[in-house]
């Protein structure tokens, strides 16, 4: 199964609370930090909510 590498590119300033909590739930705390999560609908939905703040790559 493929994995997603999610990297935080924008900070939390002027973002609503739901977007902040979504990024923190993914494990993203600092700009430039990356996490690898499995590719499933739950993580895709979380990334979709904060798509303007992150970049996403598929990795094996």
PDB file of N, CA and C in Angstrom:
ATOM      1  N   UNK A   1       0.846  -1.181   0.000  1.00  0.00           N
ATOM      2  CA  UNK A   1       0.000   0.000   0.000  1.00  0.00           C
ATOM      3  C   UNK A   1       0.893   1.246   0.000  1.00  0.00           C
ATOM      4  N   UNK A   2       0.496   2.244  -0.729  1.00  0.00           N
ATOM      5  CA  UNK A   2       1.264   3.481  -0.835  1.00  0.00           C
ATOM      6  C   UNK A   2       1.116   4.313   0.439  1.00  0.00           C
ATOM      7  N   UNK A   3       2.070   5.178   0.637  1.00  0.00           N
ATOM      8  CA  UNK A   3       2.047   6.106   1.760  1.00  0.00           C
ATOM      9  C   UNK A   3       2.061   7.525   1.242  1.00  0.00           C
ATOM     10  N   UNK A   4       1.658   8.453   2.088  1.00  0.00           N
ATOM     11  CA  UNK A   4       1.666   9.876   1.757  1.00  0.00           C
ATOM     12  C   UNK A   4       2.708  10.576   2.607  1.00  0.00           C
ATOM     13  N   UNK A   5       3.563  11.366   1.986  1.00  0.00           N
ATOM     14  CA  UNK A   5       4.489  12.224   2.719  1.00  0.00           C
ATOM     15  C   UNK A   5       3.876  13.617   2.718  1.00  0.00           C
ATOM     16  N   UNK A   6       3.517  14.089   3.905  1.00  0.00           N
ATOM     17  CA  UNK A   6       2.822  15.364   4.064  1.00  0.00           C
ATOM     18  C   UNK A   6       3.788  16.345   4.714  1.00  0.00           C
ATOM     19  N   UNK A   7       3.991  17.503   4.081  1.00  0.00           N
ATOM     20  CA  UNK A   7       4.923  18.506   4.570  1.00  0.00           C
ATOM     21  C   UNK A   7       4.180  19.813   4.809  1.00  0.00           C
ATOM     22  N   UNK A   8       4.356  20.386   5.999  1.00  0.00           N
ATOM     23  CA  UNK A   8       3.720  21.656   6.342  1.00  0.00           C
ATOM     24  C   UNK A   8       4.497  22.792   5.697  1.00  0.00           C
ATOM     25  N   UNK A   9       3.822  23.608   4.875  1.00  0.00           N
ATOM     26  CA  UNK A   9       4.477  24.701   4.167  1.00  0.00           C
ATOM     27  C   UNK A   9       4.054  26.080   4.677  1.00  0.00           C
ATOM     28  N   UNK A  10       2.952  26.172   5.353  1.00  0.00           N
ATOM     29  CA  UNK A  10       2.470  27.449   5.879  1.00  0.00           C
ATOM     30  C   UNK A  10       2.203  27.302   7.372  1.00  0.00           C
ATOM     31  N   UNK A  11       2.368  28.388   8.104  1.00  0.00           N
ATOM     32  CA  UNK A  11       2.158  28.372   9.541  1.00  0.00           C
ATOM     33  C   UNK A  11       0.694  28.484   9.920  1.00  0.00           C
ATOM     34  N   UNK A  12       0.442  28.557  11.220  1.00  0.00           N
ATOM     35  CA  UNK A  12      -0.916  28.572  11.750  1.00  0.00           C
ATOM     36  C   UNK A  12      -1.494  29.968  11.953  1.00  0.00           C
ATOM     37  N   UNK A  13      -0.721  31.003  11.676  1.00  0.00           N
ATOM     38  CA  UNK A  13      -1.190  32.369  11.886  1.00  0.00           C
ATOM     39  C   UNK A  13      -2.371  32.650  10.959  1.00  0.00           C
ATOM     40  N   UNK A  14      -3.427  33.227  11.514  1.00  0.00           N
ATOM     41  CA  UNK A  14      -4.657  33.585  10.794  1.00  0.00           C
ATOM     42  C   UNK A  14      -5.401  32.377  10.218  1.00  0.00           C
ATOM     43  N   UNK A  15      -5.205  31.216  10.780  1.00  0.00           N
ATOM     44  CA  UNK A  15      -5.951  30.020  10.376  1.00  0.00           C
ATOM     45  C   UNK A  15      -6.989  29.730  11.463  1.00  0.00           C
ATOM     46  N   UNK A  16      -8.120  29.142  11.051  1.00  0.00           N
ATOM     47  CA  UNK A  16      -9.142  28.866  12.061  1.00  0.00           C
ATOM     48  C   UNK A  16      -8.745  27.655  12.904  1.00  0.00           C
ATOM     49  N   UNK A  17      -9.417  27.485  13.997  1.00  0.00           N
ATOM     50  CA  UNK A  17      -9.055  26.460  14.987  1.00  0.00           C
ATOM     51  C   UNK A  17      -9.138  25.052  14.411  1.00  0.00           C
ATOM     52  N   UNK A  18     -10.112  24.787  13.547  1.00  0.00           N
ATOM     53  CA  UNK A  18     -10.256  23.452  12.960  1.00  0.00           C
ATOM     54  C   UNK A  18      -9.052  23.108  12.090  1.00  0.00           C
ATOM     55  N   UNK A  19      -8.535  24.073  11.352  1.00  0.00           N
ATOM     56  CA  UNK A  19      -7.366  23.826  10.510  1.00  0.00           C
ATOM     57  C   UNK A  19      -6.131  23.578  11.363  1.00  0.00           C
ATOM     58  N   UNK A  20      -5.965  24.317  12.442  1.00  0.00           N
ATOM     59  CA  UNK A  20      -4.838  24.115  13.348  1.00  0.00           C
ATOM     60  C   UNK A  20      -4.890  22.719  13.954  1.00  0.00           C
ATOM     61  N   UNK A  21      -6.074  22.324  14.433  1.00  0.00           N
ATOM     62  CA  UNK A  21      -6.208  21.018  15.067  1.00  0.00           C
ATOM     63  C   UNK A  21      -6.005  19.871  14.079  1.00  0.00           C
ATOM     64  N   UNK A  22      -6.425  20.067  12.834  1.00  0.00           N
ATOM     65  CA  UNK A  22      -6.217  19.043  11.814  1.00  0.00           C
ATOM     66  C   UNK A  22      -4.729  18.837  11.555  1.00  0.00           C
ATOM     67  N   UNK A  23      -3.980  19.934  11.428  1.00  0.00           N
ATOM     68  CA  UNK A  23      -2.535  19.832  11.206  1.00  0.00           C
ATOM     69  C   UNK A  23      -1.857  19.173  12.403  1.00  0.00           C
ATOM     70  N   UNK A  24      -2.252  19.541  13.598  1.00  0.00           N
ATOM     71  CA  UNK A  24      -1.657  18.940  14.791  1.00  0.00           C
ATOM     72  C   UNK A  24      -2.009  17.457  14.894  1.00  0.00           C
ATOM     73  N   UNK A  25      -3.217  17.085  14.491  1.00  0.00           N
ATOM     74  CA  UNK A  25      -3.620  15.679  14.526  1.00  0.00           C
ATOM     75  C   UNK A  25      -2.808  14.844  13.532  1.00  0.00           C
ATOM     76  N   UNK A  26      -2.364  15.470  12.453  1.00  0.00           N
ATOM     77  CA  UNK A  26      -1.501  14.778  11.505  1.00  0.00           C
ATOM     78  C   UNK A  26      -0.070  14.677  12.021  1.00  0.00           C
ATOM     79  N   UNK A  27       0.249  15.413  13.074  1.00  0.00           N
ATOM     80  CA  UNK A  27       1.591  15.379  13.645  1.00  0.00           C
ATOM     81  C   UNK A  27       2.486  16.489  13.132  1.00  0.00           C
ATOM     82  N   UNK A  28       1.888  17.523  12.536  1.00  0.00           N
ATOM     83  CA  UNK A  28       2.653  18.638  11.982  1.00  0.00           C
ATOM     84  C   UNK A  28       2.665  19.792  12.973  1.00  0.00           C
ATOM     85  N   UNK A  29       3.849  20.199  13.402  1.00  0.00           N
ATOM     86  CA  UNK A  29       3.973  21.249  14.404  1.00  0.00           C
ATOM     87  C   UNK A  29       4.769  22.451  13.910  1.00  0.00           C
ATOM     88  N   UNK A  30       5.756  22.228  13.036  1.00  0.00           N
ATOM     89  CA  UNK A  30       6.631  23.299  12.563  1.00  0.00           C
ATOM     90  C   UNK A  30       6.602  23.373  11.042  1.00  0.00           C
ATOM     91  N   UNK A  31       6.832  24.549  10.500  1.00  0.00           N
ATOM     92  CA  UNK A  31       6.940  24.709   9.061  1.00  0.00           C
ATOM     93  C   UNK A  31       8.132  23.897   8.576  1.00  0.00           C
ATOM     94  N   UNK A  32       7.926  23.149   7.501  1.00  0.00           N
ATOM     95  CA  UNK A  32       8.975  22.309   6.939  1.00  0.00           C
ATOM     96  C   UNK A  32       8.996  20.897   7.485  1.00  0.00           C
ATOM     97  N   UNK A  33       8.236  20.628   8.520  1.00  0.00           N
ATOM     98  CA  UNK A  33       8.181  19.294   9.104  1.00  0.00           C
ATOM     99  C   UNK A  33       7.377  18.366   8.201  1.00  0.00           C
ATOM    100  N   UNK A  34       7.843  17.136   8.061  1.00  0.00           N
ATOM    101  CA  UNK A  34       7.159  16.141   7.238  1.00  0.00           C
ATOM    102  C   UNK A  34       6.779  14.928   8.074  1.00  0.00           C
ATOM    103  N   UNK A  35       5.678  14.307   7.706  1.00  0.00           N
ATOM    104  CA  UNK A  35       5.252  13.049   8.312  1.00  0.00           C
ATOM    105  C   UNK A  35       4.846  12.112   7.182  1.00  0.00           C
ATOM    106  N   UNK A  36       4.948  10.813   7.432  1.00  0.00           N
ATOM    107  CA  UNK A  36       4.519   9.806   6.467  1.00  0.00           C
ATOM    108  C   UNK A  36       3.328   9.074   7.071  1.00  0.00           C
ATOM    109  N   UNK A  37       2.229   9.101   6.347  1.00  0.00           N
ATOM    110  CA  UNK A  37       0.998   8.433   6.781  1.00  0.00           C
ATOM    111  C   UNK A  37       0.543   7.491   5.686  1.00  0.00           C
ATOM    112  N   UNK A  38      -0.207   6.463   6.066  1.00  0.00           N
ATOM    113  CA  UNK A  38      -0.716   5.539   5.059  1.00  0.00           C
ATOM    114  C   UNK A  38      -1.789   6.233   4.223  1.00  0.00           C
ATOM    115  N   UNK A  39      -1.890   5.821   2.981  1.00  0.00           N
ATOM    116  CA  UNK A  39      -2.838   6.425   2.046  1.00  0.00           C
ATOM    117  C   UNK A  39      -4.198   5.767   2.213  1.00  0.00           C
ATOM    118  N   UNK A  40      -5.081   6.432   2.952  1.00  0.00           N
ATOM    119  CA  UNK A  40      -6.448   5.948   3.110  1.00  0.00           C
ATOM    120  C   UNK A  40      -7.391   7.147   3.129  1.00  0.00           C
ATOM    121  N   UNK A  41      -8.685   6.929   3.014  1.00  0.00           N
ATOM    122  CA  UNK A  41      -9.628   8.053   2.922  1.00  0.00           C
ATOM    123  C   UNK A  41      -9.606   8.997   4.131  1.00  0.00           C
ATOM    124  N   UNK A  42      -9.301   8.493   5.319  1.00  0.00           N
ATOM    125  CA  UNK A  42      -9.273   9.348   6.496  1.00  0.00           C
ATOM    126  C   UNK A  42      -8.173  10.404   6.369  1.00  0.00           C
ATOM    127  N   UNK A  43      -6.956   9.966   6.039  1.00  0.00           N
ATOM    128  CA  UNK A  43      -5.849  10.916   5.906  1.00  0.00           C
ATOM    129  C   UNK A  43      -6.024  11.805   4.681  1.00  0.00           C
ATOM    130  N   UNK A  44      -6.588  11.272   3.601  1.00  0.00           N
ATOM    131  CA  UNK A  44      -6.861  12.106   2.421  1.00  0.00           C
ATOM    132  C   UNK A  44      -7.835  13.229   2.766  1.00  0.00           C
ATOM    133  N   UNK A  45      -8.849  12.930   3.574  1.00  0.00           N
ATOM    134  CA  UNK A  45      -9.805  13.954   3.986  1.00  0.00           C
ATOM    135  C   UNK A  45      -9.169  15.016   4.864  1.00  0.00           C
ATOM    136  N   UNK A  46      -8.278  14.588   5.768  1.00  0.00           N
ATOM    137  CA  UNK A  46      -7.590  15.551   6.629  1.00  0.00           C
ATOM    138  C   UNK A  46      -6.696  16.465   5.796  1.00  0.00           C
ATOM    139  N   UNK A  47      -5.986  15.890   4.830  1.00  0.00           N
ATOM    140  CA  UNK A  47      -5.124  16.691   3.959  1.00  0.00           C
ATOM    141  C   UNK A  47      -5.969  17.643   3.128  1.00  0.00           C
ATOM    142  N   UNK A  48      -7.123  17.196   2.679  1.00  0.00           N
ATOM    143  CA  UNK A  48      -7.998  18.047   1.873  1.00  0.00           C
ATOM    144  C   UNK A  48      -8.452  19.283   2.641  1.00  0.00           C
ATOM    145  N   UNK A  49      -8.649  19.163   3.948  1.00  0.00           N
ATOM    146  CA  UNK A  49      -9.082  20.310   4.765  1.00  0.00           C
ATOM    147  C   UNK A  49      -8.002  21.382   4.878  1.00  0.00           C
ATOM    148  N   UNK A  50      -6.735  20.953   4.808  1.00  0.00           N
ATOM    149  CA  UNK A  50      -5.636  21.918   4.960  1.00  0.00           C
ATOM    150  C   UNK A  50      -4.737  21.912   3.726  1.00  0.00           C
ATOM    151  N   UNK A  51      -5.306  21.656   2.550  1.00  0.00           N
ATOM    152  CA  UNK A  51      -4.519  21.532   1.324  1.00  0.00           C
ATOM    153  C   UNK A  51      -3.747  22.793   0.970  1.00  0.00           C
ATOM    154  N   UNK A  52      -4.188  23.960   1.437  1.00  0.00           N
ATOM    155  CA  UNK A  52      -3.485  25.213   1.165  1.00  0.00           C
ATOM    156  C   UNK A  52      -2.271  25.399   2.077  1.00  0.00           C
ATOM    157  N   UNK A  53      -2.125  24.551   3.080  1.00  0.00           N
ATOM    158  CA  UNK A  53      -1.029  24.667   4.040  1.00  0.00           C
ATOM    159  C   UNK A  53       0.040  23.592   3.859  1.00  0.00           C
ATOM    160  N   UNK A  54      -0.225  22.565   3.069  1.00  0.00           N
ATOM    161  CA  UNK A  54       0.671  21.420   2.969  1.00  0.00           C
ATOM    162  C   UNK A  54       0.983  21.071   1.521  1.00  0.00           C
ATOM    163  N   UNK A  55       2.053  20.290   1.347  1.00  0.00           N
ATOM    164  CA  UNK A  55       2.316  19.628   0.078  1.00  0.00           C
ATOM    165  C   UNK A  55       2.279  18.128   0.349  1.00  0.00           C
ATOM    166  N   UNK A  56       1.835  17.374  -0.648  1.00  0.00           N
ATOM    167  CA  UNK A  56       1.649  15.934  -0.478  1.00  0.00           C
ATOM    168  C   UNK A  56       2.366  15.202  -1.613  1.00  0.00           C
ATOM    169  N   UNK A  57       3.111  14.156  -1.244  1.00  0.00           N
ATOM    170  CA  UNK A  57       3.789  13.298  -2.208  1.00  0.00           C
ATOM    171  C   UNK A  57       3.438  11.855  -1.881  1.00  0.00           C
ATOM    172  N   UNK A  58       3.336  11.026  -2.914  1.00  0.00           N
ATOM    173  CA  UNK A  58       3.140   9.598  -2.687  1.00  0.00           C
ATOM    174  C   UNK A  58       4.506   8.934  -2.626  1.00  0.00           C
ATOM    175  N   UNK A  59       4.726   8.121  -1.599  1.00  0.00           N
ATOM    176  CA  UNK A  59       5.977   7.384  -1.434  1.00  0.00           C
ATOM    177  C   UNK A  59       5.659   5.916  -1.185  1.00  0.00           C
ATOM    178  N   UNK A  60       6.661   5.079  -1.365  1.00  0.00           N
ATOM    179  CA  UNK A  60       6.459   3.637  -1.117  1.00  0.00           C
ATOM    180  C   UNK A  60       6.981   3.238   0.232  1.00  0.00           C
TER     181      UNK A  60
END
